[in-house]
């Protein structure tokens, strides 16, 4: 397969380019496109054969469900059972980086739900994504547009690095705004459960709901959430966590990279220092890829504060780390 990459204006996407991409989706082919969180690998979400192509292109385990991206909140009622709580969250947080897990209706293919009775839905907050979904006339299944387990793509270069030859078309609208994936809430129980922290802050969600979110850590809950059961976000070199006490074991600064908000007292081969947690989140995956390309032997990443976007950063760093646990 030859992958075509076309530049599209974020705010005024060319209707002819969007129409061509939408036509590919209707034909059951794959289109990578930008959202406000990361780039997505899109397929017709109601076409089982197209959904299977996503798993093949990414090397994604088939028991890892996909998120369906919608053009407007009302579309959710044709795909899932939407109660008053879900409708209120859609009204307040969509379009935006919030995914809701709801009881699925029979129209949703098992390839999208990974055989579960639930479906994950969201409405992205990006003009190109919304124009594409509207033109396609169908919900678009779209995990991150990378090989499974790799750092998520925050620009089209990263998409091409991982999926050139595996996707029909890449819509290049520059870098994304948020840089980490959506927050995932499970609404199938009496209390909303946080399955994955992301671009929508837990603090804002809890304030809206008027209650603390339950932590969805049991096996059934984890299975319902896209992108939580396997190692993710990892470059090809070890990622170690720095918590400000001493450097993690195995990090030799002259041969290592550092990513964070405060540089430790060490002479790193490469350091990327961000001026805010928001920019840390926006740039961490690109920094992983850049350091990997530059040949560092390991990467030390600062453990951020767990408020706001910091909670999503903690999740991504934890699951990108070599040992899958917090370093000392």
C-alpha atoms as a PDB file:
ATOM      1  CA  UNK A   1       0.000   0.000   0.000  1.00  0.00           C
ATOM      2  CA  UNK A   2       1.261   3.478  -0.851  1.00  0.00           C
ATOM      3  CA  UNK A   3       0.461   6.059   1.804  1.00  0.00           C
ATOM      4  CA  UNK A   4      -0.493   9.541   0.616  1.00  0.00           C
ATOM      5  CA  UNK A   5       0.117  12.509   2.917  1.00  0.00           C
ATOM      6  CA  UNK A   6      -1.701  15.786   2.291  1.00  0.00           C
ATOM      7  CA  UNK A   7      -1.488  19.067   4.176  1.00  0.00           C
ATOM      8  CA  UNK A   8      -4.843  20.437   5.310  1.00  0.00           C
ATOM      9  CA  UNK A   9      -5.577  23.749   7.009  1.00  0.00           C
ATOM     10  CA  UNK A  10      -6.665  23.158  10.604  1.00  0.00           C
ATOM     11  CA  UNK A  11      -9.235  25.954  10.694  1.00  0.00           C
ATOM     12  CA  UNK A  12     -10.397  25.931   7.072  1.00  0.00           C
ATOM     13  CA  UNK A  13      -9.964  22.396   5.728  1.00  0.00           C
ATOM     14  CA  UNK A  14     -10.282  22.135   1.954  1.00  0.00           C
ATOM     15  CA  UNK A  15     -13.702  20.537   1.272  1.00  0.00           C
ATOM     16  CA  UNK A  16     -12.316  18.574  -1.678  1.00  0.00           C
ATOM     17  CA  UNK A  17      -9.600  16.984   0.486  1.00  0.00           C
ATOM     18  CA  UNK A  18     -12.116  16.160   3.207  1.00  0.00           C
ATOM     19  CA  UNK A  19     -14.490  14.658   0.617  1.00  0.00           C
ATOM     20  CA  UNK A  20     -11.712  12.450  -0.747  1.00  0.00           C
ATOM     21  CA  UNK A  21     -10.768  11.243   2.735  1.00  0.00           C
ATOM     22  CA  UNK A  22     -14.430  10.603   3.589  1.00  0.00           C
ATOM     23  CA  UNK A  23     -14.859   8.589   0.403  1.00  0.00           C
ATOM     24  CA  UNK A  24     -11.941   6.367   1.440  1.00  0.00           C
ATOM     25  CA  UNK A  25     -13.574   5.750   4.811  1.00  0.00           C
ATOM     26  CA  UNK A  26     -16.857   4.775   3.163  1.00  0.00           C
ATOM     27  CA  UNK A  27     -14.924   2.347   0.950  1.00  0.00           C
ATOM     28  CA  UNK A  28     -13.579   0.586   4.054  1.00  0.00           C
ATOM     29  CA  UNK A  29     -10.078   2.061   3.874  1.00  0.00           C
ATOM     30  CA  UNK A  30      -7.908   3.758   6.517  1.00  0.00           C
ATOM     31  CA  UNK A  31      -7.356   7.490   7.013  1.00  0.00           C
ATOM     32  CA  UNK A  32      -5.147   9.033   9.701  1.00  0.00           C
ATOM     33  CA  UNK A  33      -6.390  12.408  10.914  1.00  0.00           C
ATOM     34  CA  UNK A  34      -5.722  14.951  13.680  1.00  0.00           C
ATOM     35  CA  UNK A  35      -7.787  15.409  16.817  1.00  0.00           C
ATOM     36  CA  UNK A  36      -7.126  17.790  19.689  1.00  0.00           C
ATOM     37  CA  UNK A  37      -5.533  14.945  21.689  1.00  0.00           C
ATOM     38  CA  UNK A  38      -3.416  12.853  19.265  1.00  0.00           C
ATOM     39  CA  UNK A  39      -3.671  11.725  15.645  1.00  0.00           C
ATOM     40  CA  UNK A  40      -6.192   8.934  15.093  1.00  0.00           C
ATOM     41  CA  UNK A  41      -6.173   5.976  12.696  1.00  0.00           C
ATOM     42  CA  UNK A  42      -9.685   6.106  11.296  1.00  0.00           C
ATOM     43  CA  UNK A  43     -11.998   3.568   9.706  1.00  0.00           C
ATOM     44  CA  UNK A  44     -15.757   3.276   9.183  1.00  0.00           C
ATOM     45  CA  UNK A  45     -16.901   2.320  12.674  1.00  0.00           C
ATOM     46  CA  UNK A  46     -19.911   0.350  11.414  1.00  0.00           C
ATOM     47  CA  UNK A  47     -17.882  -1.759   8.947  1.00  0.00           C
ATOM     48  CA  UNK A  48     -16.414  -4.850  10.672  1.00  0.00           C
ATOM     49  CA  UNK A  49     -13.901  -5.439   7.873  1.00  0.00           C
ATOM     50  CA  UNK A  50     -12.633  -1.864   8.074  1.00  0.00           C
ATOM     51  CA  UNK A  51     -12.267  -2.113  11.846  1.00  0.00           C
ATOM     52  CA  UNK A  52     -10.165  -5.265  11.425  1.00  0.00           C
ATOM     53  CA  UNK A  53      -7.782  -3.288   9.207  1.00  0.00           C
ATOM     54  CA  UNK A  54      -7.053  -0.966  12.128  1.00  0.00           C
ATOM     55  CA  UNK A  55      -5.887  -3.894  14.262  1.00  0.00           C
ATOM     56  CA  UNK A  56      -3.716  -5.229  11.442  1.00  0.00           C
ATOM     57  CA  UNK A  57      -2.142  -1.856  10.665  1.00  0.00           C
ATOM     58  CA  UNK A  58      -1.328  -1.149  14.316  1.00  0.00           C
ATOM     59  CA  UNK A  59      -0.477  -4.683  15.414  1.00  0.00           C
ATOM     60  CA  UNK A  60      -3.144  -4.073  18.075  1.00  0.00           C
ATOM     61  CA  UNK A  61      -4.464  -6.956  20.211  1.00  0.00           C
ATOM     62  CA  UNK A  62      -8.053  -7.783  19.144  1.00  0.00           C
ATOM     63  CA  UNK A  63      -9.310  -7.640  22.752  1.00  0.00           C
ATOM     64  CA  UNK A  64      -8.494  -3.911  22.965  1.00  0.00           C
ATOM     65  CA  UNK A  65     -11.704  -1.995  22.077  1.00  0.00           C
ATOM     66  CA  UNK A  66     -11.836   1.051  19.801  1.00  0.00           C
ATOM     67  CA  UNK A  67     -13.325   4.501  20.368  1.00  0.00           C
ATOM     68  CA  UNK A  68     -16.059   5.650  18.005  1.00  0.00           C
ATOM     69  CA  UNK A  69     -15.713   9.333  17.084  1.00  0.00           C
ATOM     70  CA  UNK A  70     -18.978  11.182  16.468  1.00  0.00           C
ATOM     71  CA  UNK A  71     -19.975  14.363  14.624  1.00  0.00           C
ATOM     72  CA  UNK A  72     -22.531  15.478  17.244  1.00  0.00           C
ATOM     73  CA  UNK A  73     -23.851  14.257  20.615  1.00  0.00           C
ATOM     74  CA  UNK A  74     -27.228  13.120  19.289  1.00  0.00           C
ATOM     75  CA  UNK A  75     -25.510  10.438  17.207  1.00  0.00           C
ATOM     76  CA  UNK A  76     -24.631   8.596  20.422  1.00  0.00           C
ATOM     77  CA  UNK A  77     -28.251   7.465  20.864  1.00  0.00           C
ATOM     78  CA  UNK A  78     -28.050   5.361  17.701  1.00  0.00           C
ATOM     79  CA  UNK A  79     -25.018   3.497  19.076  1.00  0.00           C
ATOM     80  CA  UNK A  80     -25.536   3.184  22.826  1.00  0.00           C
ATOM     81  CA  UNK A  81     -28.024   3.491  25.653  1.00  0.00           C
ATOM     82  CA  UNK A  82     -27.686   7.092  26.783  1.00  0.00           C
ATOM     83  CA  UNK A  83     -29.104   8.011  30.192  1.00  0.00           C
ATOM     84  CA  UNK A  84     -29.503  11.485  31.714  1.00  0.00           C
ATOM     85  CA  UNK A  85     -26.041  11.437  33.297  1.00  0.00           C
ATOM     86  CA  UNK A  86     -24.368  10.581  29.991  1.00  0.00           C
ATOM     87  CA  UNK A  87     -26.404  13.192  28.134  1.00  0.00           C
ATOM     88  CA  UNK A  88     -25.411  15.855  30.667  1.00  0.00           C
ATOM     89  CA  UNK A  89     -21.722  14.994  30.342  1.00  0.00           C
ATOM     90  CA  UNK A  90     -21.973  15.139  26.548  1.00  0.00           C
ATOM     91  CA  UNK A  91     -23.617  18.537  26.755  1.00  0.00           C
ATOM     92  CA  UNK A  92     -20.933  19.895  29.096  1.00  0.00           C
ATOM     93  CA  UNK A  93     -17.766  18.249  27.730  1.00  0.00           C
ATOM     94  CA  UNK A  94     -18.353  17.581  24.021  1.00  0.00           C
ATOM     95  CA  UNK A  95     -16.706  18.367  21.745  1.00  0.00           C
ATOM     96  CA  UNK A  96     -13.633  17.646  23.814  1.00  0.00           C
ATOM     97  CA  UNK A  97     -11.212  15.080  25.235  1.00  0.00           C
ATOM     98  CA  UNK A  98     -13.751  12.941  27.110  1.00  0.00           C
ATOM     99  CA  UNK A  99     -14.673   9.378  26.111  1.00  0.00           C
ATOM    100  CA  UNK A 100     -17.767   7.754  27.631  1.00  0.00           C
ATOM    101  CA  UNK A 101     -18.187   3.994  27.948  1.00  0.00           C
ATOM    102  CA  UNK A 102     -21.865   3.066  27.621  1.00  0.00           C
ATOM    103  CA  UNK A 103     -24.001  -0.038  26.981  1.00  0.00           C
ATOM    104  CA  UNK A 104     -23.719  -0.755  23.261  1.00  0.00           C
ATOM    105  CA  UNK A 105     -26.616  -1.222  20.860  1.00  0.00           C
ATOM    106  CA  UNK A 106     -26.542  -4.157  18.413  1.00  0.00           C
ATOM    107  CA  UNK A 107     -25.562  -1.903  15.486  1.00  0.00           C
ATOM    108  CA  UNK A 108     -21.994  -1.602  16.822  1.00  0.00           C
ATOM    109  CA  UNK A 109     -19.737  -4.360  15.430  1.00  0.00           C
ATOM    110  CA  UNK A 110     -18.029  -6.714  17.822  1.00  0.00           C
ATOM    111  CA  UNK A 111     -14.724  -5.818  16.170  1.00  0.00           C
ATOM    112  CA  UNK A 112     -15.133  -2.302  17.600  1.00  0.00           C
ATOM    113  CA  UNK A 113     -16.272  -3.362  21.081  1.00  0.00           C
ATOM    114  CA  UNK A 114     -13.780  -6.260  21.319  1.00  0.00           C
ATOM    115  CA  UNK A 115     -16.753  -8.531  21.921  1.00  0.00           C
ATOM    116  CA  UNK A 116     -17.950  -6.585  24.954  1.00  0.00           C
ATOM    117  CA  UNK A 117     -21.448  -5.256  25.637  1.00  0.00           C
ATOM    118  CA  UNK A 118     -20.112  -1.711  25.934  1.00  0.00           C
ATOM    119  CA  UNK A 119     -18.906   0.898  23.455  1.00  0.00           C
ATOM    120  CA  UNK A 120     -16.583   3.893  23.910  1.00  0.00           C
ATOM    121  CA  UNK A 121     -17.784   7.164  22.342  1.00  0.00           C
ATOM    122  CA  UNK A 122     -16.434  10.680  22.013  1.00  0.00           C
ATOM    123  CA  UNK A 123     -16.813  13.838  19.926  1.00  0.00           C
ATOM    124  CA  UNK A 124     -13.408  15.353  19.097  1.00  0.00           C
ATOM    125  CA  UNK A 125     -12.738  19.078  19.303  1.00  0.00           C
ATOM    126  CA  UNK A 126     -10.842  19.583  16.044  1.00  0.00           C
ATOM    127  CA  UNK A 127     -12.202  21.199  12.848  1.00  0.00           C
ATOM    128  CA  UNK A 128     -10.538  18.653  10.538  1.00  0.00           C
ATOM    129  CA  UNK A 129     -11.779  15.663  12.537  1.00  0.00           C
ATOM    130  CA  UNK A 130     -15.334  16.993  12.725  1.00  0.00           C
ATOM    131  CA  UNK A 131     -15.395  17.857   9.010  1.00  0.00           C
ATOM    132  CA  UNK A 132     -14.174  14.362   8.145  1.00  0.00           C
ATOM    133  CA  UNK A 133     -16.741  12.583  10.337  1.00  0.00           C
ATOM    134  CA  UNK A 134     -19.542  14.759   8.970  1.00  0.00           C
ATOM    135  CA  UNK A 135     -18.535  14.097   5.360  1.00  0.00           C
ATOM    136  CA  UNK A 136     -18.107  10.359   5.948  1.00  0.00           C
ATOM    137  CA  UNK A 137     -21.636  10.108   7.329  1.00  0.00           C
ATOM    138  CA  UNK A 138     -20.679   7.414   9.833  1.00  0.00           C
ATOM    139  CA  UNK A 139     -19.036   7.125  13.243  1.00  0.00           C
ATOM    140  CA  UNK A 140     -15.279   6.801  12.806  1.00  0.00           C
ATOM    141  CA  UNK A 141     -13.406   4.193  14.835  1.00  0.00           C
ATOM    142  CA  UNK A 142     -10.006   5.660  15.626  1.00  0.00           C
ATOM    143  CA  UNK A 143      -7.332   4.605  18.099  1.00  0.00           C
ATOM    144  CA  UNK A 144      -4.036   6.503  18.039  1.00  0.00           C
ATOM    145  CA  UNK A 145      -2.317   6.378  14.639  1.00  0.00           C
ATOM    146  CA  UNK A 146       0.827   4.525  15.696  1.00  0.00           C
ATOM    147  CA  UNK A 147       2.094   1.002  15.979  1.00  0.00           C
ATOM    148  CA  UNK A 148       0.691  -0.584  19.118  1.00  0.00           C
ATOM    149  CA  UNK A 149       2.791   0.210  22.179  1.00  0.00           C
ATOM    150  CA  UNK A 150       4.702   3.092  20.565  1.00  0.00           C
ATOM    151  CA  UNK A 151       4.529   6.737  21.701  1.00  0.00           C
ATOM    152  CA  UNK A 152       1.296   8.281  20.491  1.00  0.00           C
ATOM    153  CA  UNK A 153       1.578  10.533  17.412  1.00  0.00           C
ATOM    154  CA  UNK A 154       1.183  14.253  17.990  1.00  0.00           C
ATOM    155  CA  UNK A 155       2.043  15.243  14.411  1.00  0.00           C
ATOM    156  CA  UNK A 156       1.914  13.675  10.960  1.00  0.00           C
ATOM    157  CA  UNK A 157       5.646  12.897  10.951  1.00  0.00           C
ATOM    158  CA  UNK A 158       5.117  10.434  13.793  1.00  0.00           C
ATOM    159  CA  UNK A 159       2.202   8.843  11.923  1.00  0.00           C
ATOM    160  CA  UNK A 160       4.382   8.334   8.865  1.00  0.00           C
ATOM    161  CA  UNK A 161       7.241   6.941  10.958  1.00  0.00           C
ATOM    162  CA  UNK A 162       5.009   4.160  12.258  1.00  0.00           C
ATOM    163  CA  UNK A 163       2.356   3.581   9.587  1.00  0.00           C
ATOM    164  CA  UNK A 164       3.794   4.528   6.197  1.00  0.00           C
ATOM    165  CA  UNK A 165       2.595   1.770   3.880  1.00  0.00           C
ATOM    166  CA  UNK A 166      -0.173   0.683   6.269  1.00  0.00           C
ATOM    167  CA  UNK A 167      -2.668   3.546   5.853  1.00  0.00           C
ATOM    168  CA  UNK A 168      -4.200   4.964   2.681  1.00  0.00           C
ATOM    169  CA  UNK A 169      -4.171   8.674   3.532  1.00  0.00           C
ATOM    170  CA  UNK A 170      -2.734  10.949   6.240  1.00  0.00           C
ATOM    171  CA  UNK A 171      -4.355  14.351   6.779  1.00  0.00           C
ATOM    172  CA  UNK A 172      -1.547  16.599   8.056  1.00  0.00           C
ATOM    173  CA  UNK A 173      -2.856  19.585  10.037  1.00  0.00           C
ATOM    174  CA  UNK A 174       0.265  20.169  12.115  1.00  0.00           C
ATOM    175  CA  UNK A 175       0.803  19.451  15.798  1.00  0.00           C
ATOM    176  CA  UNK A 176      -2.082  18.652  18.119  1.00  0.00           C
ATOM    177  CA  UNK A 177      -3.176  20.863  21.000  1.00  0.00           C
ATOM    178  CA  UNK A 178      -3.331  18.578  24.052  1.00  0.00           C
ATOM    179  CA  UNK A 179      -0.851  15.779  23.335  1.00  0.00           C
ATOM    180  CA  UNK A 180      -2.293  12.984  25.499  1.00  0.00           C
ATOM    181  CA  UNK A 181      -5.368  10.912  24.808  1.00  0.00           C
ATOM    182  CA  UNK A 182      -8.888  11.504  26.078  1.00  0.00           C
ATOM    183  CA  UNK A 183     -10.097  10.773  29.573  1.00  0.00           C
ATOM    184  CA  UNK A 184     -12.211   7.597  29.643  1.00  0.00           C
ATOM    185  CA  UNK A 185     -15.218   7.358  31.986  1.00  0.00           C
ATOM    186  CA  UNK A 186     -17.244   4.186  32.461  1.00  0.00           C
ATOM    187  CA  UNK A 187     -20.907   5.073  32.972  1.00  0.00           C
ATOM    188  CA  UNK A 188     -22.287   1.541  33.142  1.00  0.00           C
ATOM    189  CA  UNK A 189     -22.373   1.473  36.951  1.00  0.00           C
ATOM    190  CA  UNK A 190     -24.161   3.484  39.609  1.00  0.00           C
ATOM    191  CA  UNK A 191     -21.066   5.640  40.077  1.00  0.00           C
ATOM    192  CA  UNK A 192     -18.926   6.912  37.212  1.00  0.00           C
ATOM    193  CA  UNK A 193     -15.563   5.135  37.069  1.00  0.00           C
ATOM    194  CA  UNK A 194     -12.309   6.599  35.800  1.00  0.00           C
ATOM    195  CA  UNK A 195     -10.743   4.095  33.411  1.00  0.00           C
ATOM    196  CA  UNK A 196      -8.050   6.349  31.939  1.00  0.00           C
ATOM    197  CA  UNK A 197      -7.014   9.891  32.913  1.00  0.00           C
ATOM    198  CA  UNK A 198      -6.539  12.194  29.967  1.00  0.00           C
ATOM    199  CA  UNK A 199      -7.254  15.594  28.490  1.00  0.00           C
ATOM    200  CA  UNK A 200     -10.399  16.250  30.576  1.00  0.00           C
ATOM    201  CA  UNK A 201      -9.325  16.814  34.173  1.00  0.00           C
ATOM    202  CA  UNK A 202     -10.637  14.634  36.971  1.00  0.00           C
ATOM    203  CA  UNK A 203     -11.161  17.733  39.115  1.00  0.00           C
ATOM    204  CA  UNK A 204     -13.514  19.290  36.568  1.00  0.00           C
ATOM    205  CA  UNK A 205     -15.420  16.031  36.055  1.00  0.00           C
ATOM    206  CA  UNK A 206     -15.882  15.470  39.785  1.00  0.00           C
ATOM    207  CA  UNK A 207     -17.057  19.043  40.245  1.00  0.00           C
ATOM    208  CA  UNK A 208     -19.600  18.567  37.471  1.00  0.00           C
ATOM    209  CA  UNK A 209     -20.856  15.216  38.769  1.00  0.00           C
ATOM    210  CA  UNK A 210     -20.819  16.314  42.407  1.00  0.00           C
ATOM    211  CA  UNK A 211     -19.030  13.165  43.527  1.00  0.00           C
ATOM    212  CA  UNK A 212     -15.631  11.493  43.515  1.00  0.00           C
ATOM    213  CA  UNK A 213     -14.941   9.211  40.580  1.00  0.00           C
ATOM    214  CA  UNK A 214     -14.611   5.530  41.332  1.00  0.00           C
ATOM    215  CA  UNK A 215     -11.287   4.090  40.188  1.00  0.00           C
ATOM    216  CA  UNK A 216     -12.025   1.463  37.539  1.00  0.00           C
ATOM    217  CA  UNK A 217      -9.152  -0.872  38.293  1.00  0.00           C
ATOM    218  CA  UNK A 218     -10.915  -4.256  38.331  1.00  0.00           C
ATOM    219  CA  UNK A 219     -10.422  -6.529  35.309  1.00  0.00           C
ATOM    220  CA  UNK A 220     -13.911  -5.987  33.896  1.00  0.00           C
ATOM    221  CA  UNK A 221     -13.522  -2.220  34.034  1.00  0.00           C
ATOM    222  CA  UNK A 222     -10.056  -2.241  32.504  1.00  0.00           C
ATOM    223  CA  UNK A 223     -11.243  -4.425  29.616  1.00  0.00           C
ATOM    224  CA  UNK A 224     -13.867  -1.805  28.686  1.00  0.00           C
ATOM    225  CA  UNK A 225     -11.330   0.967  28.185  1.00  0.00           C
ATOM    226  CA  UNK A 226      -9.302   1.411  25.015  1.00  0.00           C
ATOM    227  CA  UNK A 227      -5.571   1.573  25.582  1.00  0.00           C
ATOM    228  CA  UNK A 228      -5.226   0.426  29.198  1.00  0.00           C
ATOM    229  CA  UNK A 229      -4.443  -3.291  29.236  1.00  0.00           C
ATOM    230  CA  UNK A 230      -1.050  -3.330  27.545  1.00  0.00           C
ATOM    231  CA  UNK A 231       2.225  -1.455  27.677  1.00  0.00           C
ATOM    232  CA  UNK A 232       1.823   1.790  25.754  1.00  0.00           C
ATOM    233  CA  UNK A 233       3.582   4.997  24.803  1.00  0.00           C
ATOM    234  CA  UNK A 234       7.085   3.496  24.943  1.00  0.00           C
ATOM    235  CA  UNK A 235      10.083   4.413  22.804  1.00  0.00           C
ATOM    236  CA  UNK A 236      12.612   1.748  21.856  1.00  0.00           C
ATOM    237  CA  UNK A 237      14.933   2.683  24.722  1.00  0.00           C
ATOM    238  CA  UNK A 238      14.243   2.241  28.453  1.00  0.00           C
ATOM    239  CA  UNK A 239      12.187   4.911  30.200  1.00  0.00           C
ATOM    240  CA  UNK A 240      13.000   5.466  33.877  1.00  0.00           C
ATOM    241  CA  UNK A 241      11.208   7.720  36.360  1.00  0.00           C
ATOM    242  CA  UNK A 242      12.953  10.537  38.254  1.00  0.00           C
ATOM    243  CA  UNK A 243      11.205  11.677  41.422  1.00  0.00           C
ATOM    244  CA  UNK A 244      13.722  14.318  42.465  1.00  0.00           C
ATOM    245  CA  UNK A 245      15.699  12.313  45.015  1.00  0.00           C
ATOM    246  CA  UNK A 246      18.324  10.566  42.947  1.00  0.00           C
ATOM    247  CA  UNK A 247      18.592   9.423  39.379  1.00  0.00           C
ATOM    248  CA  UNK A 248      16.993   6.040  38.644  1.00  0.00           C
ATOM    249  CA  UNK A 249      19.254   3.009  38.493  1.00  0.00           C
ATOM    250  CA  UNK A 250      20.570   2.362  34.997  1.00  0.00           C
ATOM    251  CA  UNK A 251      20.607   6.017  33.895  1.00  0.00           C
ATOM    252  CA  UNK A 252      24.071   7.208  32.792  1.00  0.00           C
ATOM    253  CA  UNK A 253      23.533  10.943  32.129  1.00  0.00           C
ATOM    254  CA  UNK A 254      26.202  11.393  29.386  1.00  0.00           C
ATOM    255  CA  UNK A 255      24.422   8.656  27.415  1.00  0.00           C
ATOM    256  CA  UNK A 256      20.867   9.424  28.492  1.00  0.00           C
ATOM    257  CA  UNK A 257      18.082  11.902  27.836  1.00  0.00           C
ATOM    258  CA  UNK A 258      15.950  13.809  30.309  1.00  0.00           C
ATOM    259  CA  UNK A 259      12.347  15.031  29.977  1.00  0.00           C
ATOM    260  CA  UNK A 260      10.538  17.116  32.568  1.00  0.00           C
ATOM    261  CA  UNK A 261       9.947  20.481  34.199  1.00  0.00           C
ATOM    262  CA  UNK A 262      13.161  20.766  36.271  1.00  0.00           C
ATOM    263  CA  UNK A 263      16.599  19.613  35.145  1.00  0.00           C
ATOM    264  CA  UNK A 264      18.421  17.480  37.730  1.00  0.00           C
ATOM    265  CA  UNK A 265      22.018  18.279  38.555  1.00  0.00           C
ATOM    266  CA  UNK A 266      23.523  16.024  35.911  1.00  0.00           C
ATOM    267  CA  UNK A 267      25.099  16.436  32.492  1.00  0.00           C
ATOM    268  CA  UNK A 268      22.577  14.714  30.223  1.00  0.00           C
ATOM    269  CA  UNK A 269      23.305  14.064  26.568  1.00  0.00           C
ATOM    270  CA  UNK A 270      19.928  15.574  25.709  1.00  0.00           C
ATOM    271  CA  UNK A 271      17.403  17.415  27.868  1.00  0.00           C
ATOM    272  CA  UNK A 272      13.905  18.639  26.996  1.00  0.00           C
ATOM    273  CA  UNK A 273      12.556  20.949  29.701  1.00  0.00           C
ATOM    274  CA  UNK A 274       8.990  22.242  29.561  1.00  0.00           C
ATOM    275  CA  UNK A 275       7.700  25.430  31.154  1.00  0.00           C
ATOM    276  CA  UNK A 276       4.305  24.062  32.228  1.00  0.00           C
ATOM    277  CA  UNK A 277       2.528  20.741  32.832  1.00  0.00           C
ATOM    278  CA  UNK A 278       0.363  21.466  29.777  1.00  0.00           C
ATOM    279  CA  UNK A 279       3.402  21.784  27.524  1.00  0.00           C
ATOM    280  CA  UNK A 280       4.921  18.716  29.191  1.00  0.00           C
ATOM    281  CA  UNK A 281       1.844  16.736  28.133  1.00  0.00           C
ATOM    282  CA  UNK A 282       1.814  18.327  24.682  1.00  0.00           C
ATOM    283  CA  UNK A 283       5.438  17.418  24.024  1.00  0.00           C
ATOM    284  CA  UNK A 284       6.309  14.230  25.886  1.00  0.00           C
ATOM    285  CA  UNK A 285       5.585  11.776  23.068  1.00  0.00           C
ATOM    286  CA  UNK A 286       7.473  13.843  20.487  1.00  0.00           C
ATOM    287  CA  UNK A 287      10.387  14.087  22.937  1.00  0.00           C
ATOM    288  CA  UNK A 288      10.405  10.296  23.325  1.00  0.00           C
ATOM    289  CA  UNK A 289      10.642   9.872  19.561  1.00  0.00           C
ATOM    290  CA  UNK A 290      13.286  12.582  19.141  1.00  0.00           C
ATOM    291  CA  UNK A 291      15.564  11.127  21.809  1.00  0.00           C
ATOM    292  CA  UNK A 292      15.135   7.633  20.436  1.00  0.00           C
ATOM    293  CA  UNK A 293      16.219   8.910  17.005  1.00  0.00           C
ATOM    294  CA  UNK A 294      19.205  10.719  18.501  1.00  0.00           C
ATOM    295  CA  UNK A 295      20.532   7.486  19.989  1.00  0.00           C
ATOM    296  CA  UNK A 296      20.318   7.954  23.753  1.00  0.00           C
ATOM    297  CA  UNK A 297      20.555   4.699  25.683  1.00  0.00           C
ATOM    298  CA  UNK A 298      17.869   5.541  28.249  1.00  0.00           C
ATOM    299  CA  UNK A 299      15.469   8.347  29.127  1.00  0.00           C
ATOM    300  CA  UNK A 300      14.835   9.739  32.607  1.00  0.00           C
ATOM    301  CA  UNK A 301      11.390  11.348  32.938  1.00  0.00           C
ATOM    302  CA  UNK A 302      10.375  13.569  35.823  1.00  0.00           C
ATOM    303  CA  UNK A 303       7.382  12.346  37.824  1.00  0.00           C
ATOM    304  CA  UNK A 304       4.889  15.249  37.721  1.00  0.00           C
ATOM    305  CA  UNK A 305       2.363  16.472  40.239  1.00  0.00           C
ATOM    306  CA  UNK A 306      -0.899  14.556  39.959  1.00  0.00           C
ATOM    307  CA  UNK A 307      -3.273  17.488  39.545  1.00  0.00           C
ATOM    308  CA  UNK A 308      -4.988  18.450  36.298  1.00  0.00           C
ATOM    309  CA  UNK A 309      -3.150  17.173  33.230  1.00  0.00           C
ATOM    310  CA  UNK A 310      -0.445  15.860  35.575  1.00  0.00           C
ATOM    311  CA  UNK A 311      -2.563  12.805  36.395  1.00  0.00           C
ATOM    312  CA  UNK A 312      -2.674  11.869  32.703  1.00  0.00           C
ATOM    313  CA  UNK A 313       1.080  12.420  32.473  1.00  0.00           C
ATOM    314  CA  UNK A 314       1.661  10.110  35.426  1.00  0.00           C
ATOM    315  CA  UNK A 315      -0.402   7.408  33.714  1.00  0.00           C
ATOM    316  CA  UNK A 316       1.514   7.724  30.429  1.00  0.00           C
ATOM    317  CA  UNK A 317       4.920   7.773  32.108  1.00  0.00           C
ATOM    318  CA  UNK A 318       4.082   4.783  34.287  1.00  0.00           C
ATOM    319  CA  UNK A 319       3.039   2.655  31.326  1.00  0.00           C
ATOM    320  CA  UNK A 320       5.917   3.780  29.127  1.00  0.00           C
ATOM    321  CA  UNK A 321       8.490   2.909  31.783  1.00  0.00           C
ATOM    322  CA  UNK A 322      10.612  -0.186  31.403  1.00  0.00           C
ATOM    323  CA  UNK A 323       9.505  -1.836  34.650  1.00  0.00           C
ATOM    324  CA  UNK A 324       5.883  -0.637  34.507  1.00  0.00           C
ATOM    325  CA  UNK A 325       6.267   0.852  37.966  1.00  0.00           C
ATOM    326  CA  UNK A 326       7.424   4.059  39.571  1.00  0.00           C
ATOM    327  CA  UNK A 327      11.188   4.311  40.067  1.00  0.00           C
ATOM    328  CA  UNK A 328      12.656   5.481  43.340  1.00  0.00           C
END
